[in-house]
Amino acid sequence: MPPLPANRGPQGPSTTDKLKMGAMMGGTVGVIIGFIFGTVNIFRYGAGTNGIMRTLGQYMAGSGATFGFFMGIGSVIRTDASPIAAEAFARAQRRPLIMAAHQAYRPRGK
């Protein structure tokens, strides 16, 4: 693997990384919501012919997949930044520039 060019500055996560991160976060939240919603429905209406574990697993998998899909797409759309925002981010990552005090602000007398 060739080395990276020396002039390359700090880079943020790629769009694919953001998609995966959003899908993982959404999937996790969806599985938790599916667990809660499935448990309530099993208590309320019974498990049916599939049994408790399969019914609960279907709720969790369906909710996790749906919410993960939409959260992944939403995170990609959200991070599609304008060039102005990208330039502001790059400017914020630079080292601070310390300016010398102006001559008028120095004490007089010596």
PDB file of N, CA and C in Angstrom:
ATOM      1  N   MET A   1       0.845  -1.175   0.000  1.00  0.00           N
ATOM      2  CA  MET A   1       0.000   0.000   0.000  1.00  0.00           C
ATOM      3  C   MET A   1       0.888   1.235   0.000  1.00  0.00           C
ATOM      4  N   PRO A   2       0.704   2.147  -0.960  1.00  0.00           N
ATOM      5  CA  PRO A   2       1.566   3.321  -1.031  1.00  0.00           C
ATOM      6  C   PRO A   2       1.245   4.296   0.108  1.00  0.00           C
ATOM      7  N   PRO A   3       2.243   5.065   0.527  1.00  0.00           N
ATOM      8  CA  PRO A   3       1.998   6.037   1.598  1.00  0.00           C
ATOM      9  C   PRO A   3       1.120   7.180   1.101  1.00  0.00           C
ATOM     10  N   LEU A   4       0.438   7.815   2.036  1.00  0.00           N
ATOM     11  CA  LEU A   4      -0.414   8.944   1.693  1.00  0.00           C
ATOM     12  C   LEU A   4       0.426  10.174   1.383  1.00  0.00           C
ATOM     13  N   PRO A   5      -0.072  11.083   0.563  1.00  0.00           N
ATOM     14  CA  PRO A   5       0.670  12.306   0.290  1.00  0.00           C
ATOM     15  C   PRO A   5       0.851  13.136   1.572  1.00  0.00           C
ATOM     16  N   ALA A   6       1.935  13.887   1.618  1.00  0.00           N
ATOM     17  CA  ALA A   6       2.261  14.656   2.819  1.00  0.00           C
ATOM     18  C   ALA A   6       1.323  15.838   3.023  1.00  0.00           C
ATOM     19  N   ASN A   7       0.752  16.396   1.958  1.00  0.00           N
ATOM     20  CA  ASN A   7      -0.080  17.587   2.094  1.00  0.00           C
ATOM     21  C   ASN A   7      -1.523  17.279   2.475  1.00  0.00           C
ATOM     22  N   ARG A   8      -1.822  16.050   2.716  1.00  0.00           N
ATOM     23  CA  ARG A   8      -3.191  15.662   3.047  1.00  0.00           C
ATOM     24  C   ARG A   8      -3.465  15.983   4.507  1.00  0.00           C
ATOM     25  N   GLY A   9      -4.487  16.793   4.759  1.00  0.00           N
ATOM     26  CA  GLY A   9      -4.820  17.220   6.114  1.00  0.00           C
ATOM     27  C   GLY A   9      -5.695  16.203   6.820  1.00  0.00           C
ATOM     28  N   PRO A  10      -6.193  16.550   8.005  1.00  0.00           N
ATOM     29  CA  PRO A  10      -7.062  15.624   8.737  1.00  0.00           C
ATOM     30  C   PRO A  10      -8.361  15.393   7.978  1.00  0.00           C
ATOM     31  N   GLN A  11      -8.738  14.146   7.882  1.00  0.00           N
ATOM     32  CA  GLN A  11      -9.944  13.781   7.144  1.00  0.00           C
ATOM     33  C   GLN A  11     -10.981  13.220   8.104  1.00  0.00           C
ATOM     34  N   GLY A  12     -12.245  13.521   7.833  1.00  0.00           N
ATOM     35  CA  GLY A  12     -13.325  12.957   8.615  1.00  0.00           C
ATOM     36  C   GLY A  12     -13.730  11.604   8.059  1.00  0.00           C
ATOM     37  N   PRO A  13     -14.728  10.985   8.656  1.00  0.00           N
ATOM     38  CA  PRO A  13     -15.184   9.686   8.148  1.00  0.00           C
ATOM     39  C   PRO A  13     -15.798   9.830   6.753  1.00  0.00           C
ATOM     40  N   SER A  14     -15.661   8.785   5.951  1.00  0.00           N
ATOM     41  CA  SER A  14     -16.198   8.817   4.599  1.00  0.00           C
ATOM     42  C   SER A  14     -17.723   8.647   4.642  1.00  0.00           C
ATOM     43  N   THR A  15     -18.345   8.808   3.485  1.00  0.00           N
ATOM     44  CA  THR A  15     -19.792   8.666   3.397  1.00  0.00           C
ATOM     45  C   THR A  15     -20.220   7.240   3.719  1.00  0.00           C
ATOM     46  N   THR A  16     -19.424   6.264   3.294  1.00  0.00           N
ATOM     47  CA  THR A  16     -19.738   4.868   3.609  1.00  0.00           C
ATOM     48  C   THR A  16     -19.655   4.605   5.104  1.00  0.00           C
ATOM     49  N   ASP A  17     -18.638   5.192   5.747  1.00  0.00           N
ATOM     50  CA  ASP A  17     -18.520   5.038   7.199  1.00  0.00           C
ATOM     51  C   ASP A  17     -19.718   5.656   7.911  1.00  0.00           C
ATOM     52  N   LYS A  18     -20.173   6.797   7.420  1.00  0.00           N
ATOM     53  CA  LYS A  18     -21.330   7.456   8.029  1.00  0.00           C
ATOM     54  C   LYS A  18     -22.602   6.639   7.817  1.00  0.00           C
ATOM     55  N   LEU A  19     -22.732   6.013   6.638  1.00  0.00           N
ATOM     56  CA  LEU A  19     -23.881   5.153   6.368  1.00  0.00           C
ATOM     57  C   LEU A  19     -23.892   3.968   7.328  1.00  0.00           C
ATOM     58  N   LYS A  20     -22.724   3.326   7.498  1.00  0.00           N
ATOM     59  CA  LYS A  20     -22.647   2.169   8.399  1.00  0.00           C
ATOM     60  C   LYS A  20     -22.918   2.568   9.842  1.00  0.00           C
ATOM     61  N   MET A  21     -22.376   3.709  10.260  1.00  0.00           N
ATOM     62  CA  MET A  21     -22.576   4.155  11.626  1.00  0.00           C
ATOM     63  C   MET A  21     -24.049   4.485  11.885  1.00  0.00           C
ATOM     64  N   GLY A  22     -24.703   5.160  10.941  1.00  0.00           N
ATOM     65  CA  GLY A  22     -26.121   5.461  11.093  1.00  0.00           C
ATOM     66  C   GLY A  22     -26.973   4.209  11.098  1.00  0.00           C
ATOM     67  N   ALA A  23     -26.629   3.238  10.240  1.00  0.00           N
ATOM     68  CA  ALA A  23     -27.398   1.987  10.208  1.00  0.00           C
ATOM     69  C   ALA A  23     -27.224   1.189  11.495  1.00  0.00           C
ATOM     70  N   MET A  24     -26.013   1.207  12.050  1.00  0.00           N
ATOM     71  CA  MET A  24     -25.791   0.480  13.306  1.00  0.00           C
ATOM     72  C   MET A  24     -26.534   1.143  14.465  1.00  0.00           C
ATOM     73  N   MET A  25     -26.491   2.461  14.524  1.00  0.00           N
ATOM     74  CA  MET A  25     -27.213   3.152  15.598  1.00  0.00           C
ATOM     75  C   MET A  25     -28.719   2.950  15.457  1.00  0.00           C
ATOM     76  N   GLY A  26     -29.221   3.089  14.228  1.00  0.00           N
ATOM     77  CA  GLY A  26     -30.638   2.892  13.999  1.00  0.00           C
ATOM     78  C   GLY A  26     -31.071   1.463  14.253  1.00  0.00           C
ATOM     79  N   GLY A  27     -30.242   0.508  13.859  1.00  0.00           N
ATOM     80  CA  GLY A  27     -30.564  -0.895  14.111  1.00  0.00           C
ATOM     81  C   GLY A  27     -30.627  -1.205  15.597  1.00  0.00           C
ATOM     82  N   THR A  28     -29.700  -0.636  16.352  1.00  0.00           N
ATOM     83  CA  THR A  28     -29.694  -0.860  17.794  1.00  0.00           C
ATOM     84  C   THR A  28     -30.948  -0.296  18.447  1.00  0.00           C
ATOM     85  N   VAL A  29     -31.289   0.938  18.097  1.00  0.00           N
ATOM     86  CA  VAL A  29     -32.501   1.549  18.646  1.00  0.00           C
ATOM     87  C   VAL A  29     -33.734   0.781  18.195  1.00  0.00           C
ATOM     88  N   GLY A  30     -33.762   0.354  16.926  1.00  0.00           N
ATOM     89  CA  GLY A  30     -34.899  -0.403  16.411  1.00  0.00           C
ATOM     90  C   GLY A  30     -35.089  -1.738  17.106  1.00  0.00           C
ATOM     91  N   VAL A  31     -33.998  -2.430  17.408  1.00  0.00           N
ATOM     92  CA  VAL A  31     -34.099  -3.712  18.115  1.00  0.00           C
ATOM     93  C   VAL A  31     -34.663  -3.501  19.519  1.00  0.00           C
ATOM     94  N   ILE A  32     -34.220  -2.449  20.182  1.00  0.00           N
ATOM     95  CA  ILE A  32     -34.731  -2.165  21.531  1.00  0.00           C
ATOM     96  C   ILE A  32     -36.211  -1.820  21.488  1.00  0.00           C
ATOM     97  N   ILE A  33     -36.606  -0.980  20.540  1.00  0.00           N
ATOM     98  CA  ILE A  33     -38.024  -0.621  20.403  1.00  0.00           C
ATOM     99  C   ILE A  33     -38.842  -1.849  20.010  1.00  0.00           C
ATOM    100  N   GLY A  34     -38.291  -2.695  19.132  1.00  0.00           N
ATOM    101  CA  GLY A  34     -38.986  -3.923  18.750  1.00  0.00           C
ATOM    102  C   GLY A  34     -39.164  -4.863  19.923  1.00  0.00           C
ATOM    103  N   PHE A  35     -38.164  -4.926  20.805  1.00  0.00           N
ATOM    104  CA  PHE A  35     -38.278  -5.753  22.008  1.00  0.00           C
ATOM    105  C   PHE A  35     -39.411  -5.250  22.903  1.00  0.00           C
ATOM    106  N   ILE A  36     -39.452  -3.944  23.103  1.00  0.00           N
ATOM    107  CA  ILE A  36     -40.495  -3.372  23.970  1.00  0.00           C
ATOM    108  C   ILE A  36     -41.868  -3.564  23.343  1.00  0.00           C
ATOM    109  N   PHE A  37     -41.997  -3.208  22.074  1.00  0.00           N
ATOM    110  CA  PHE A  37     -43.286  -3.301  21.393  1.00  0.00           C
ATOM    111  C   PHE A  37     -43.735  -4.764  21.273  1.00  0.00           C
ATOM    112  N   GLY A  38     -42.810  -5.667  20.945  1.00  0.00           N
ATOM    113  CA  GLY A  38     -43.154  -7.086  20.823  1.00  0.00           C
ATOM    114  C   GLY A  38     -43.561  -7.690  22.152  1.00  0.00           C
ATOM    115  N   THR A  39     -42.869  -7.316  23.227  1.00  0.00           N
ATOM    116  CA  THR A  39     -43.230  -7.831  24.545  1.00  0.00           C
ATOM    117  C   THR A  39     -44.622  -7.388  24.950  1.00  0.00           C
ATOM    118  N   VAL A  40     -44.920  -6.124  24.704  1.00  0.00           N
ATOM    119  CA  VAL A  40     -46.257  -5.610  25.037  1.00  0.00           C
ATOM    120  C   VAL A  40     -47.319  -6.341  24.229  1.00  0.00           C
ATOM    121  N   ASN A  41     -47.076  -6.544  22.944  1.00  0.00           N
ATOM    122  CA  ASN A  41     -48.064  -7.228  22.118  1.00  0.00           C
ATOM    123  C   ASN A  41     -48.218  -8.703  22.492  1.00  0.00           C
ATOM    124  N   ILE A  42     -47.130  -9.351  22.892  1.00  0.00           N
ATOM    125  CA  ILE A  42     -47.236 -10.746  23.327  1.00  0.00           C
ATOM    126  C   ILE A  42     -48.047 -10.839  24.617  1.00  0.00           C
ATOM    127  N   PHE A  43     -47.808  -9.915  25.541  1.00  0.00           N
ATOM    128  CA  PHE A  43     -48.605  -9.910  26.772  1.00  0.00           C
ATOM    129  C   PHE A  43     -50.073  -9.616  26.485  1.00  0.00           C
ATOM    130  N   ARG A  44     -50.300  -8.740  25.534  1.00  0.00           N
ATOM    131  CA  ARG A  44     -51.667  -8.310  25.255  1.00  0.00           C
ATOM    132  C   ARG A  44     -52.447  -9.345  24.449  1.00  0.00           C
ATOM    133  N   TYR A  45     -51.842  -9.875  23.372  1.00  0.00           N
ATOM    134  CA  TYR A  45     -52.582 -10.728  22.450  1.00  0.00           C
ATOM    135  C   TYR A  45     -52.114 -12.182  22.421  1.00  0.00           C
ATOM    136  N   GLY A  46     -51.015 -12.486  23.074  1.00  0.00           N
ATOM    137  CA  GLY A  46     -50.482 -13.846  23.039  1.00  0.00           C
ATOM    138  C   GLY A  46     -49.481 -14.009  21.910  1.00  0.00           C
ATOM    139  N   ALA A  47     -48.720 -15.091  21.975  1.00  0.00           N
ATOM    140  CA  ALA A  47     -47.651 -15.304  20.999  1.00  0.00           C
ATOM    141  C   ALA A  47     -48.155 -15.892  19.689  1.00  0.00           C
ATOM    142  N   GLY A  48     -49.297 -16.544  19.694  1.00  0.00           N
ATOM    143  CA  GLY A  48     -49.802 -17.162  18.477  1.00  0.00           C
ATOM    144  C   GLY A  48     -49.162 -18.510  18.232  1.00  0.00           C
ATOM    145  N   THR A  49     -49.202 -18.948  16.994  1.00  0.00           N
ATOM    146  CA  THR A  49     -48.706 -20.287  16.663  1.00  0.00           C
ATOM    147  C   THR A  49     -47.184 -20.343  16.566  1.00  0.00           C
ATOM    148  N   ASN A  50     -46.514 -19.195  16.434  1.00  0.00           N
ATOM    149  CA  ASN A  50     -45.051 -19.186  16.285  1.00  0.00           C
ATOM    150  C   ASN A  50     -44.314 -19.343  17.606  1.00  0.00           C
ATOM    151  N   GLY A  51     -44.938 -19.114  18.695  1.00  0.00           N
ATOM    152  CA  GLY A  51     -44.262 -19.169  19.984  1.00  0.00           C
ATOM    153  C   GLY A  51     -43.720 -17.805  20.392  1.00  0.00           C
ATOM    154  N   ILE A  52     -43.299 -17.725  21.634  1.00  0.00           N
ATOM    155  CA  ILE A  52     -42.881 -16.434  22.186  1.00  0.00           C
ATOM    156  C   ILE A  52     -41.584 -15.945  21.545  1.00  0.00           C
ATOM    157  N   MET A  53     -40.575 -16.777  21.491  1.00  0.00           N
ATOM    158  CA  MET A  53     -39.263 -16.329  21.014  1.00  0.00           C
ATOM    159  C   MET A  53     -39.279 -15.947  19.537  1.00  0.00           C
ATOM    160  N   ARG A  54     -39.960 -16.742  18.720  1.00  0.00           N
ATOM    161  CA  ARG A  54     -40.003 -16.421  17.292  1.00  0.00           C
ATOM    162  C   ARG A  54     -40.805 -15.143  17.035  1.00  0.00           C
ATOM    163  N   THR A  55     -41.903 -14.972  17.733  1.00  0.00           N
ATOM    164  CA  THR A  55     -42.707 -13.762  17.569  1.00  0.00           C
ATOM    165  C   THR A  55     -41.930 -12.536  18.016  1.00  0.00           C
ATOM    166  N   LEU A  56     -41.281 -12.638  19.163  1.00  0.00           N
ATOM    167  CA  LEU A  56     -40.492 -11.513  19.663  1.00  0.00           C
ATOM    168  C   LEU A  56     -39.318 -11.223  18.730  1.00  0.00           C
ATOM    169  N   GLY A  57     -38.687 -12.259  18.208  1.00  0.00           N
ATOM    170  CA  GLY A  57     -37.592 -12.077  17.264  1.00  0.00           C
ATOM    171  C   GLY A  57     -38.033 -11.409  15.980  1.00  0.00           C
ATOM    172  N   GLN A  58     -39.236 -11.725  15.508  1.00  0.00           N
ATOM    173  CA  GLN A  58     -39.744 -11.083  14.305  1.00  0.00           C
ATOM    174  C   GLN A  58     -39.996  -9.602  14.532  1.00  0.00           C
ATOM    175  N   TYR A  59     -40.544  -9.254  15.685  1.00  0.00           N
ATOM    176  CA  TYR A  59     -40.748  -7.840  16.011  1.00  0.00           C
ATOM    177  C   TYR A  59     -39.413  -7.110  16.064  1.00  0.00           C
ATOM    178  N   MET A  60     -38.440  -7.719  16.745  1.00  0.00           N
ATOM    179  CA  MET A  60     -37.138  -7.073  16.903  1.00  0.00           C
ATOM    180  C   MET A  60     -36.406  -6.934  15.569  1.00  0.00           C
ATOM    181  N   ALA A  61     -36.403  -7.975  14.757  1.00  0.00           N
ATOM    182  CA  ALA A  61     -35.707  -7.927  13.476  1.00  0.00           C
ATOM    183  C   ALA A  61     -36.360  -6.944  12.509  1.00  0.00           C
ATOM    184  N   GLY A  62     -37.680  -6.965  12.461  1.00  0.00           N
ATOM    185  CA  GLY A  62     -38.376  -6.045  11.565  1.00  0.00           C
ATOM    186  C   GLY A  62     -38.179  -4.593  11.951  1.00  0.00           C
ATOM    187  N   SER A  63     -38.298  -4.313  13.229  1.00  0.00           N
ATOM    188  CA  SER A  63     -38.125  -2.946  13.699  1.00  0.00           C
ATOM    189  C   SER A  63     -36.682  -2.489  13.535  1.00  0.00           C
ATOM    190  N   GLY A  64     -35.723  -3.353  13.859  1.00  0.00           N
ATOM    191  CA  GLY A  64     -34.308  -3.002  13.730  1.00  0.00           C
ATOM    192  C   GLY A  64     -33.908  -2.751  12.287  1.00  0.00           C
ATOM    193  N   ALA A  65     -34.366  -3.601  11.372  1.00  0.00           N
ATOM    194  CA  ALA A  65     -34.017  -3.427   9.958  1.00  0.00           C
ATOM    195  C   ALA A  65     -34.630  -2.152   9.383  1.00  0.00           C
ATOM    196  N   THR A  66     -35.882  -1.903   9.718  1.00  0.00           N
ATOM    197  CA  THR A  66     -36.551  -0.713   9.191  1.00  0.00           C
ATOM    198  C   THR A  66     -35.912   0.565   9.711  1.00  0.00           C
ATOM    199  N   PHE A  67     -35.750   0.643  11.013  1.00  0.00           N
ATOM    200  CA  PHE A  67     -35.199   1.855  11.598  1.00  0.00           C
ATOM    201  C   PHE A  67     -33.734   2.028  11.208  1.00  0.00           C
ATOM    202  N   GLY A  68     -32.977   0.946  11.121  1.00  0.00           N
ATOM    203  CA  GLY A  68     -31.582   1.029  10.694  1.00  0.00           C
ATOM    204  C   GLY A  68     -31.442   1.519   9.268  1.00  0.00           C
ATOM    205  N   PHE A  69     -32.318   1.055   8.390  1.00  0.00           N
ATOM    206  CA  PHE A  69     -32.292   1.504   6.993  1.00  0.00           C
ATOM    207  C   PHE A  69     -32.528   3.004   6.896  1.00  0.00           C
ATOM    208  N   PHE A  70     -33.575   3.477   7.536  1.00  0.00           N
ATOM    209  CA  PHE A  70     -33.898   4.898   7.438  1.00  0.00           C
ATOM    210  C   PHE A  70     -32.881   5.775   8.162  1.00  0.00           C
ATOM    211  N   MET A  71     -32.322   5.289   9.260  1.00  0.00           N
ATOM    212  CA  MET A  71     -31.306   6.068   9.967  1.00  0.00           C
ATOM    213  C   MET A  71     -30.015   6.131   9.154  1.00  0.00           C
ATOM    214  N   GLY A  72     -29.663   5.055   8.461  1.00  0.00           N
ATOM    215  CA  GLY A  72     -28.482   5.069   7.604  1.00  0.00           C
ATOM    216  C   GLY A  72     -28.630   6.048   6.455  1.00  0.00           C
ATOM    217  N   ILE A  73     -29.777   6.012   5.791  1.00  0.00           N
ATOM    218  CA  ILE A  73     -30.028   6.943   4.690  1.00  0.00           C
ATOM    219  C   ILE A  73     -30.057   8.374   5.210  1.00  0.00           C
ATOM    220  N   GLY A  74     -30.694   8.576   6.344  1.00  0.00           N
ATOM    221  CA  GLY A  74     -30.777   9.925   6.919  1.00  0.00           C
ATOM    222  C   GLY A  74     -29.423  10.469   7.315  1.00  0.00           C
ATOM    223  N   SER A  75     -28.531   9.631   7.812  1.00  0.00           N
ATOM    224  CA  SER A  75     -27.206  10.118   8.200  1.00  0.00           C
ATOM    225  C   SER A  75     -26.387  10.506   6.979  1.00  0.00           C
ATOM    226  N   VAL A  76     -26.567   9.817   5.862  1.00  0.00           N
ATOM    227  CA  VAL A  76     -25.863  10.192   4.635  1.00  0.00           C
ATOM    228  C   VAL A  76     -26.406  11.507   4.101  1.00  0.00           C
ATOM    229  N   ILE A  77     -27.715  11.671   4.106  1.00  0.00           N
ATOM    230  CA  ILE A  77     -28.305  12.917   3.628  1.00  0.00           C
ATOM    231  C   ILE A  77     -27.892  14.074   4.523  1.00  0.00           C
ATOM    232  N   ARG A  78     -27.873  13.837   5.817  1.00  0.00           N
ATOM    233  CA  ARG A  78     -27.536  14.883   6.780  1.00  0.00           C
ATOM    234  C   ARG A  78     -26.094  15.345   6.631  1.00  0.00           C
ATOM    235  N   THR A  79     -25.185  14.451   6.276  1.00  0.00           N
ATOM    236  CA  THR A  79     -23.779  14.800   6.203  1.00  0.00           C
ATOM    237  C   THR A  79     -23.354  15.278   4.824  1.00  0.00           C
ATOM    238  N   ASP A  80     -24.278  15.419   3.898  1.00  0.00           N
ATOM    239  CA  ASP A  80     -23.948  15.953   2.586  1.00  0.00           C
ATOM    240  C   ASP A  80     -23.808  17.462   2.743  1.00  0.00           C
ATOM    241  N   ALA A  81     -22.607  17.900   3.108  1.00  0.00           N
ATOM    242  CA  ALA A  81     -22.375  19.287   3.489  1.00  0.00           C
ATOM    243  C   ALA A  81     -22.100  20.161   2.276  1.00  0.00           C
ATOM    244  N   SER A  82     -22.371  21.439   2.443  1.00  0.00           N
ATOM    245  CA  SER A  82     -22.074  22.410   1.400  1.00  0.00           C
ATOM    246  C   SER A  82     -20.576  22.731   1.434  1.00  0.00           C
ATOM    247  N   PRO A  83     -20.036  23.283   0.352  1.00  0.00           N
ATOM    248  CA  PRO A  83     -18.613  23.643   0.352  1.00  0.00           C
ATOM    249  C   PRO A  83     -18.276  24.696   1.412  1.00  0.00           C
ATOM    250  N   ILE A  84     -19.216  25.547   1.726  1.00  0.00           N
ATOM    251  CA  ILE A  84     -18.979  26.570   2.748  1.00  0.00           C
ATOM    252  C   ILE A  84     -18.768  25.913   4.105  1.00  0.00           C
ATOM    253  N   ALA A  85     -19.592  24.916   4.429  1.00  0.00           N
ATOM    254  CA  ALA A  85     -19.438  24.221   5.703  1.00  0.00           C
ATOM    255  C   ALA A  85     -18.148  23.418   5.735  1.00  0.00           C
ATOM    256  N   ALA A  86     -17.772  22.803   4.621  1.00  0.00           N
ATOM    257  CA  ALA A  86     -16.525  22.041   4.572  1.00  0.00           C
ATOM    258  C   ALA A  86     -15.323  22.958   4.750  1.00  0.00           C
ATOM    259  N   GLU A  87     -15.382  24.147   4.155  1.00  0.00           N
ATOM    260  CA  GLU A  87     -14.288  25.103   4.318  1.00  0.00           C
ATOM    261  C   GLU A  87     -14.205  25.606   5.757  1.00  0.00           C
ATOM    262  N   ALA A  88     -15.353  25.847   6.381  1.00  0.00           N
ATOM    263  CA  ALA A  88     -15.362  26.280   7.781  1.00  0.00           C
ATOM    264  C   ALA A  88     -14.799  25.190   8.689  1.00  0.00           C
ATOM    265  N   PHE A  89     -15.116  23.931   8.410  1.00  0.00           N
ATOM    266  CA  PHE A  89     -14.568  22.827   9.197  1.00  0.00           C
ATOM    267  C   PHE A  89     -13.061  22.751   9.029  1.00  0.00           C
ATOM    268  N   ALA A  90     -12.572  22.881   7.800  1.00  0.00           N
ATOM    269  CA  ALA A  90     -11.135  22.826   7.551  1.00  0.00           C
ATOM    270  C   ALA A  90     -10.429  23.992   8.237  1.00  0.00           C
ATOM    271  N   ARG A  91     -11.046  25.177   8.226  1.00  0.00           N
ATOM    272  CA  ARG A  91     -10.459  26.337   8.882  1.00  0.00           C
ATOM    273  C   ARG A  91     -10.406  26.151  10.394  1.00  0.00           C
ATOM    274  N   ALA A  92     -11.402  25.493  10.949  1.00  0.00           N
ATOM    275  CA  ALA A  92     -11.437  25.271  12.388  1.00  0.00           C
ATOM    276  C   ALA A  92     -10.388  24.252  12.831  1.00  0.00           C
ATOM    277  N   GLN A  93      -9.930  23.392  11.946  1.00  0.00           N
ATOM    278  CA  GLN A  93      -8.955  22.373  12.298  1.00  0.00           C
ATOM    279  C   GLN A  93      -7.511  22.867  12.230  1.00  0.00           C
ATOM    280  N   ARG A  94      -7.304  24.066  11.674  1.00  0.00           N
ATOM    281  CA  ARG A  94      -5.939  24.593  11.586  1.00  0.00           C
ATOM    282  C   ARG A  94      -5.423  25.024  12.942  1.00  0.00           C
ATOM    283  N   ARG A  95      -4.124  25.176  13.016  1.00  0.00           N
ATOM    284  CA  ARG A  95      -3.524  25.673  14.253  1.00  0.00           C
ATOM    285  C   ARG A  95      -3.861  27.147  14.414  1.00  0.00           C
ATOM    286  N   PRO A  96      -4.039  27.614  15.644  1.00  0.00           N
ATOM    287  CA  PRO A  96      -4.387  29.022  15.842  1.00  0.00           C
ATOM    288  C   PRO A  96      -3.233  29.943  15.472  1.00  0.00           C
ATOM    289  N   LEU A  97      -3.581  31.103  14.987  1.00  0.00           N
ATOM    290  CA  LEU A  97      -2.610  32.099  14.606  1.00  0.00           C
ATOM    291  C   LEU A  97      -2.594  33.161  15.698  1.00  0.00           C
ATOM    292  N   ILE A  98      -1.439  33.357  16.318  1.00  0.00           N
ATOM    293  CA  ILE A  98      -1.323  34.349  17.392  1.00  0.00           C
ATOM    294  C   ILE A  98      -0.737  35.612  16.788  1.00  0.00           C
ATOM    295  N   MET A  99      -1.457  36.690  16.932  1.00  0.00           N
ATOM    296  CA  MET A  99      -1.020  37.956  16.356  1.00  0.00           C
ATOM    297  C   MET A  99      -0.373  38.808  17.434  1.00  0.00           C
ATOM    298  N   ALA A 100       0.609  39.577  17.042  1.00  0.00           N
ATOM    299  CA  ALA A 100       1.272  40.477  17.973  1.00  0.00           C
ATOM    300  C   ALA A 100       0.341  41.622  18.337  1.00  0.00           C
ATOM    301  N   ALA A 101       0.498  42.116  19.541  1.00  0.00           N
ATOM    302  CA  ALA A 101      -0.330  43.238  19.992  1.00  0.00           C
ATOM    303  C   ALA A 101      -0.013  44.470  19.146  1.00  0.00           C
ATOM    304  N   HIS A 102      -1.004  45.283  18.938  1.00  0.00           N
ATOM    305  CA  HIS A 102      -0.860  46.498  18.159  1.00  0.00           C
ATOM    306  C   HIS A 102      -0.045  47.504  18.959  1.00  0.00           C
ATOM    307  N   GLN A 103       0.703  48.357  18.280  1.00  0.00           N
ATOM    308  CA  GLN A 103       1.582  49.329  18.936  1.00  0.00           C
ATOM    309  C   GLN A 103       0.801  50.264  19.851  1.00  0.00           C
ATOM    310  N   ALA A 104      -0.437  50.599  19.516  1.00  0.00           N
ATOM    311  CA  ALA A 104      -1.216  51.553  20.299  1.00  0.00           C
ATOM    312  C   ALA A 104      -1.603  50.971  21.671  1.00  0.00           C
ATOM    313  N   TYR A 105      -1.601  49.672  21.828  1.00  0.00           N
ATOM    314  CA  TYR A 105      -2.011  49.060  23.090  1.00  0.00           C
ATOM    315  C   TYR A 105      -0.860  48.814  24.054  1.00  0.00           C
ATOM    316  N   ARG A 106       0.366  49.106  23.655  1.00  0.00           N
ATOM    317  CA  ARG A 106       1.504  48.916  24.541  1.00  0.00           C
ATOM    318  C   ARG A 106       1.618  50.110  25.485  1.00  0.00           C
ATOM    319  N   PRO A 107       2.009  49.845  26.703  1.00  0.00           N
ATOM    320  CA  PRO A 107       2.126  50.973  27.639  1.00  0.00           C
ATOM    321  C   PRO A 107       3.255  51.914  27.230  1.00  0.00           C
ATOM    322  N   ARG A 108       3.016  53.198  27.399  1.00  0.00           N
ATOM    323  CA  ARG A 108       4.030  54.221  27.053  1.00  0.00           C
ATOM    324  C   ARG A 108       4.818  54.571  28.303  1.00  0.00           C
ATOM    325  N   GLY A 109       5.960  55.059  28.098  1.00  0.00           N
ATOM    326  CA  GLY A 109       6.745  55.513  29.223  1.00  0.00           C
ATOM    327  C   GLY A 109       8.178  55.081  29.155  1.00  0.00           C
ATOM    328  N   LYS A 110       8.490  54.019  28.563  1.00  0.00           N
ATOM    329  CA  LYS A 110       9.894  53.594  28.495  1.00  0.00           C
ATOM    330  C   LYS A 110      10.402  53.710  27.114  1.00  0.00           C
TER     331      LYS A 110
END
